[in-house]
Each structure stands twice: as structure tokens, then as C-alpha cells.
Amino acid sequence: MAEINLEKVHSLLEKLAEYVMNEVPTNRKVDARFEQVDARFEQVERRFEKIEKELESKADKKDIQLILNGMDAQAKQLDIIRTEQVATNAALQRHEKRITALENKETSYRIRDAEE
């Protein structure tokens, strides 16, 4: 191991002092840099807050899918109702024909003619 003497220590201290004086930033420089970083973080934070507010007001995919599922269910119900309506109208027409045929066959008297 190298021997430590006063000259080597003095030389190392001079190099350290020169480094500290020339290379290490001062407190003012560090403070100024931190102020810049803080200002930038505040800008980023404000932007994130703005984006969060916009996202809160928008529907997400789950909401849209829920709405579409509801619309599909309503369309199915409407299709069922229309099918039942067609069947009911067909049955009603069939019954009217049978009633008319029975009226003509049995009595030759139509109730509809009397009502009009």
C-alpha cells in the first residue's frame, strides 16, 4: 500500500477544492434548477387534472356496451311484440270470417248491418 504523507494529502485537497469550486454547482444554481423542475411538475399536474376532468365526462367502453345491450333487448322485445300483433291480427280476421259465415248460414242476418 502506498505511503500517505503530507504532500499527497495536500495535493488531493487542492484537487478536491478545485473540483468543488469549478464543477460542483452552487446552492443558488441547484435551487434555481429545482424551481424549474417544480414549475414543470406543476404544469404537468395541471394538464393531468384537465385530462382527468375530460375523461370523467366521457363514457367508457363499458357504458357504451351497456347501452348497446339495452338497445338489443328492446329490439328483441319489439320483434316479439310485432310477431304477436301479426298473429293476433290474422286470428282476428279468421274469426271475423267465421262469424260472418255463421251469420250468413244460420240467420241470413248480419249483426253488422243492423249496427250501421
C-alpha atoms as a PDB file:
ATOM      1  CA  MET A   1       0.000   0.000   0.000  1.00  0.00           C
ATOM      2  CA  ALA A   2       1.215   3.458  -0.872  1.00  0.00           C
ATOM      3  CA  GLU A   3       2.501   5.515   1.947  1.00  0.00           C
ATOM      4  CA  ILE A   4       0.400   8.524   2.919  1.00  0.00           C
ATOM      5  CA  ASN A   5       2.345  11.686   3.556  1.00  0.00           C
ATOM      6  CA  LEU A   6       1.529  15.322   3.982  1.00  0.00           C
ATOM      7  CA  GLU A   7       2.375  16.257   0.407  1.00  0.00           C
ATOM      8  CA  LYS A   8      -0.019  13.685  -1.068  1.00  0.00           C
ATOM      9  CA  VAL A   9      -2.811  14.762   1.266  1.00  0.00           C
ATOM     10  CA  HIS A  10      -2.203  18.408   0.376  1.00  0.00           C
ATOM     11  CA  SER A  11      -2.240  17.592  -3.357  1.00  0.00           C
ATOM     12  CA  LEU A  12      -5.505  15.651  -3.016  1.00  0.00           C
ATOM     13  CA  LEU A  13      -7.070  18.502  -1.035  1.00  0.00           C
ATOM     14  CA  GLU A  14      -6.094  21.010  -3.724  1.00  0.00           C
ATOM     15  CA  LYS A  15      -7.667  18.827  -6.418  1.00  0.00           C
ATOM     16  CA  LEU A  16     -10.821  18.446  -4.327  1.00  0.00           C
ATOM     17  CA  ALA A  17     -11.018  22.191  -3.710  1.00  0.00           C
ATOM     18  CA  GLU A  18     -10.582  22.920  -7.423  1.00  0.00           C
ATOM     19  CA  TYR A  19     -13.287  20.383  -8.303  1.00  0.00           C
ATOM     20  CA  VAL A  20     -15.676  21.797  -5.732  1.00  0.00           C
ATOM     21  CA  MET A  21     -15.057  25.387  -6.854  1.00  0.00           C
ATOM     22  CA  ASN A  22     -15.353  24.695 -10.573  1.00  0.00           C
ATOM     23  CA  GLU A  23     -17.511  21.621 -11.053  1.00  0.00           C
ATOM     24  CA  VAL A  24     -19.973  21.361  -8.174  1.00  0.00           C
ATOM     25  CA  PRO A  25     -22.959  23.679  -8.694  1.00  0.00           C
ATOM     26  CA  THR A  26     -23.661  26.294  -6.074  1.00  0.00           C
ATOM     27  CA  ASN A  27     -26.731  26.275  -3.873  1.00  0.00           C
ATOM     28  CA  ARG A  28     -28.232  29.044  -5.989  1.00  0.00           C
ATOM     29  CA  LYS A  29     -27.815  27.013  -9.165  1.00  0.00           C
ATOM     30  CA  VAL A  30     -29.310  23.946  -7.525  1.00  0.00           C
ATOM     31  CA  ASP A  31     -32.198  25.975  -6.107  1.00  0.00           C
ATOM     32  CA  ALA A  32     -32.855  27.564  -9.494  1.00  0.00           C
ATOM     33  CA  ARG A  33     -32.870  24.162 -11.157  1.00  0.00           C
ATOM     34  CA  PHE A  34     -35.271  22.769  -8.551  1.00  0.00           C
ATOM     35  CA  GLU A  35     -37.559  25.751  -9.125  1.00  0.00           C
ATOM     36  CA  GLN A  36     -37.589  24.961 -12.842  1.00  0.00           C
ATOM     37  CA  VAL A  37     -38.360  21.311 -12.134  1.00  0.00           C
ATOM     38  CA  ASP A  38     -41.125  22.285  -9.678  1.00  0.00           C
ATOM     39  CA  ALA A  39     -42.664  24.634 -12.244  1.00  0.00           C
ATOM     40  CA  ARG A  40     -42.619  21.881 -14.845  1.00  0.00           C
ATOM     41  CA  PHE A  41     -44.221  19.417 -12.418  1.00  0.00           C
ATOM     42  CA  GLU A  42     -46.980  21.947 -11.728  1.00  0.00           C
ATOM     43  CA  GLN A  43     -47.631  22.270 -15.468  1.00  0.00           C
ATOM     44  CA  VAL A  44     -47.800  18.506 -15.836  1.00  0.00           C
ATOM     45  CA  GLU A  45     -50.101  18.230 -12.820  1.00  0.00           C
ATOM     46  CA  ARG A  46     -52.491  20.858 -14.234  1.00  0.00           C
ATOM     47  CA  ARG A  47     -52.547  19.018 -17.542  1.00  0.00           C
ATOM     48  CA  PHE A  48     -53.324  15.699 -15.830  1.00  0.00           C
ATOM     49  CA  GLU A  49     -56.141  17.338 -13.876  1.00  0.00           C
ATOM     50  CA  LYS A  50     -57.587  18.705 -17.130  1.00  0.00           C
ATOM     51  CA  ILE A  51     -57.374  15.280 -18.776  1.00  0.00           C
ATOM     52  CA  GLU A  52     -58.986  13.609 -15.747  1.00  0.00           C
ATOM     53  CA  LYS A  53     -61.905  16.051 -15.890  1.00  0.00           C
ATOM     54  CA  GLU A  54     -62.392  15.338 -19.581  1.00  0.00           C
ATOM     55  CA  LEU A  55     -62.262  11.591 -19.015  1.00  0.00           C
ATOM     56  CA  GLU A  56     -64.823  11.778 -16.216  1.00  0.00           C
ATOM     57  CA  SER A  57     -67.342  13.348 -18.575  1.00  0.00           C
ATOM     58  CA  LYS A  58     -66.847  10.787 -21.339  1.00  0.00           C
ATOM     59  CA  ALA A  59     -68.490   7.381 -21.456  1.00  0.00           C
ATOM     60  CA  ASP A  60     -66.167   4.430 -21.367  1.00  0.00           C
ATOM     61  CA  LYS A  61     -66.500   1.183 -23.309  1.00  0.00           C
ATOM     62  CA  LYS A  62     -68.466  -0.471 -20.505  1.00  0.00           C
ATOM     63  CA  ASP A  63     -71.093   2.285 -20.570  1.00  0.00           C
ATOM     64  CA  ILE A  64     -71.416   2.083 -24.338  1.00  0.00           C
ATOM     65  CA  GLN A  65     -71.683  -1.709 -24.255  1.00  0.00           C
ATOM     66  CA  LEU A  66     -74.354  -1.477 -21.551  1.00  0.00           C
ATOM     67  CA  ILE A  67     -76.360   0.924 -23.715  1.00  0.00           C
ATOM     68  CA  LEU A  68     -75.982  -1.303 -26.774  1.00  0.00           C
ATOM     69  CA  ASN A  69     -77.097  -4.356 -24.800  1.00  0.00           C
ATOM     70  CA  GLY A  70     -80.173  -2.455 -23.620  1.00  0.00           C
ATOM     71  CA  MET A  71     -80.993  -1.420 -27.165  1.00  0.00           C
ATOM     72  CA  ASP A  72     -80.612  -5.018 -28.351  1.00  0.00           C
ATOM     73  CA  ALA A  73     -83.004  -6.195 -25.634  1.00  0.00           C
ATOM     74  CA  GLN A  74     -85.540  -3.540 -26.653  1.00  0.00           C
ATOM     75  CA  ALA A  75     -85.234  -4.541 -30.317  1.00  0.00           C
ATOM     76  CA  LYS A  76     -85.875  -8.194 -29.399  1.00  0.00           C
ATOM     77  CA  GLN A  77     -88.941  -7.236 -27.359  1.00  0.00           C
ATOM     78  CA  LEU A  78     -90.236  -5.101 -30.225  1.00  0.00           C
ATOM     79  CA  ASP A  79     -89.758  -8.003 -32.641  1.00  0.00           C
ATOM     80  CA  ILE A  80     -91.707 -10.305 -30.307  1.00  0.00           C
ATOM     81  CA  ILE A  81     -94.494  -7.732 -29.966  1.00  0.00           C
ATOM     82  CA  ARG A  82     -94.723  -7.286 -33.740  1.00  0.00           C
ATOM     83  CA  THR A  83     -94.856 -11.045 -34.296  1.00  0.00           C
ATOM     84  CA  GLU A  84     -97.629 -11.383 -31.701  1.00  0.00           C
ATOM     85  CA  GLN A  85     -99.500  -8.487 -33.292  1.00  0.00           C
ATOM     86  CA  VAL A  86     -99.370 -10.131 -36.730  1.00  0.00           C
ATOM     87  CA  ALA A  87    -100.589 -13.416 -35.238  1.00  0.00           C
ATOM     88  CA  THR A  88    -103.397 -11.652 -33.356  1.00  0.00           C
ATOM     89  CA  ASN A  89    -104.497  -9.763 -36.484  1.00  0.00           C
ATOM     90  CA  ALA A  90    -104.525 -12.979 -38.500  1.00  0.00           C
ATOM     91  CA  ALA A  91    -106.594 -14.722 -35.806  1.00  0.00           C
ATOM     92  CA  LEU A  92    -108.988 -11.769 -35.625  1.00  0.00           C
ATOM     93  CA  GLN A  93    -109.512 -11.789 -39.386  1.00  0.00           C
ATOM     94  CA  ARG A  94    -110.068 -15.547 -39.307  1.00  0.00           C
ATOM     95  CA  HIS A  95    -112.660 -15.168 -36.535  1.00  0.00           C
ATOM     96  CA  GLU A  96    -114.417 -12.358 -38.388  1.00  0.00           C
ATOM     97  CA  LYS A  97    -114.678 -14.542 -41.491  1.00  0.00           C
ATOM     98  CA  ARG A  98    -116.100 -17.433 -39.471  1.00  0.00           C
ATOM     99  CA  ILE A  99    -118.587 -15.202 -37.687  1.00  0.00           C
ATOM    100  CA  THR A 100    -119.686 -13.698 -40.974  1.00  0.00           C
ATOM    101  CA  ALA A 101    -120.043 -17.165 -42.471  1.00  0.00           C
ATOM    102  CA  LEU A 102    -122.077 -18.362 -39.467  1.00  0.00           C
ATOM    103  CA  GLU A 103    -124.320 -15.300 -39.582  1.00  0.00           C
ATOM    104  CA  ASN A 104    -124.995 -15.781 -43.276  1.00  0.00           C
ATOM    105  CA  LYS A 105    -125.542 -19.516 -42.930  1.00  0.00           C
ATOM    106  CA  GLU A 106    -127.746 -19.537 -39.865  1.00  0.00           C
ATOM    107  CA  THR A 107    -129.858 -16.431 -39.986  1.00  0.00           C
ATOM    108  CA  SER A 108    -129.142 -14.596 -43.179  1.00  0.00           C
ATOM    109  CA  TYR A 109    -128.972 -11.654 -40.828  1.00  0.00           C
ATOM    110  CA  ARG A 110    -125.770  -9.822 -40.145  1.00  0.00           C
ATOM    111  CA  ILE A 111    -125.360  -8.011 -36.878  1.00  0.00           C
ATOM    112  CA  ARG A 112    -123.025  -5.521 -38.513  1.00  0.00           C
ATOM    113  CA  ASP A 113    -125.707  -4.486 -40.979  1.00  0.00           C
ATOM    114  CA  ALA A 114    -128.047  -3.736 -38.078  1.00  0.00           C
ATOM    115  CA  GLU A 115    -125.445  -1.653 -36.256  1.00  0.00           C
ATOM    116  CA  GLU A 116    -124.691   0.529 -39.281  1.00  0.00           C
END
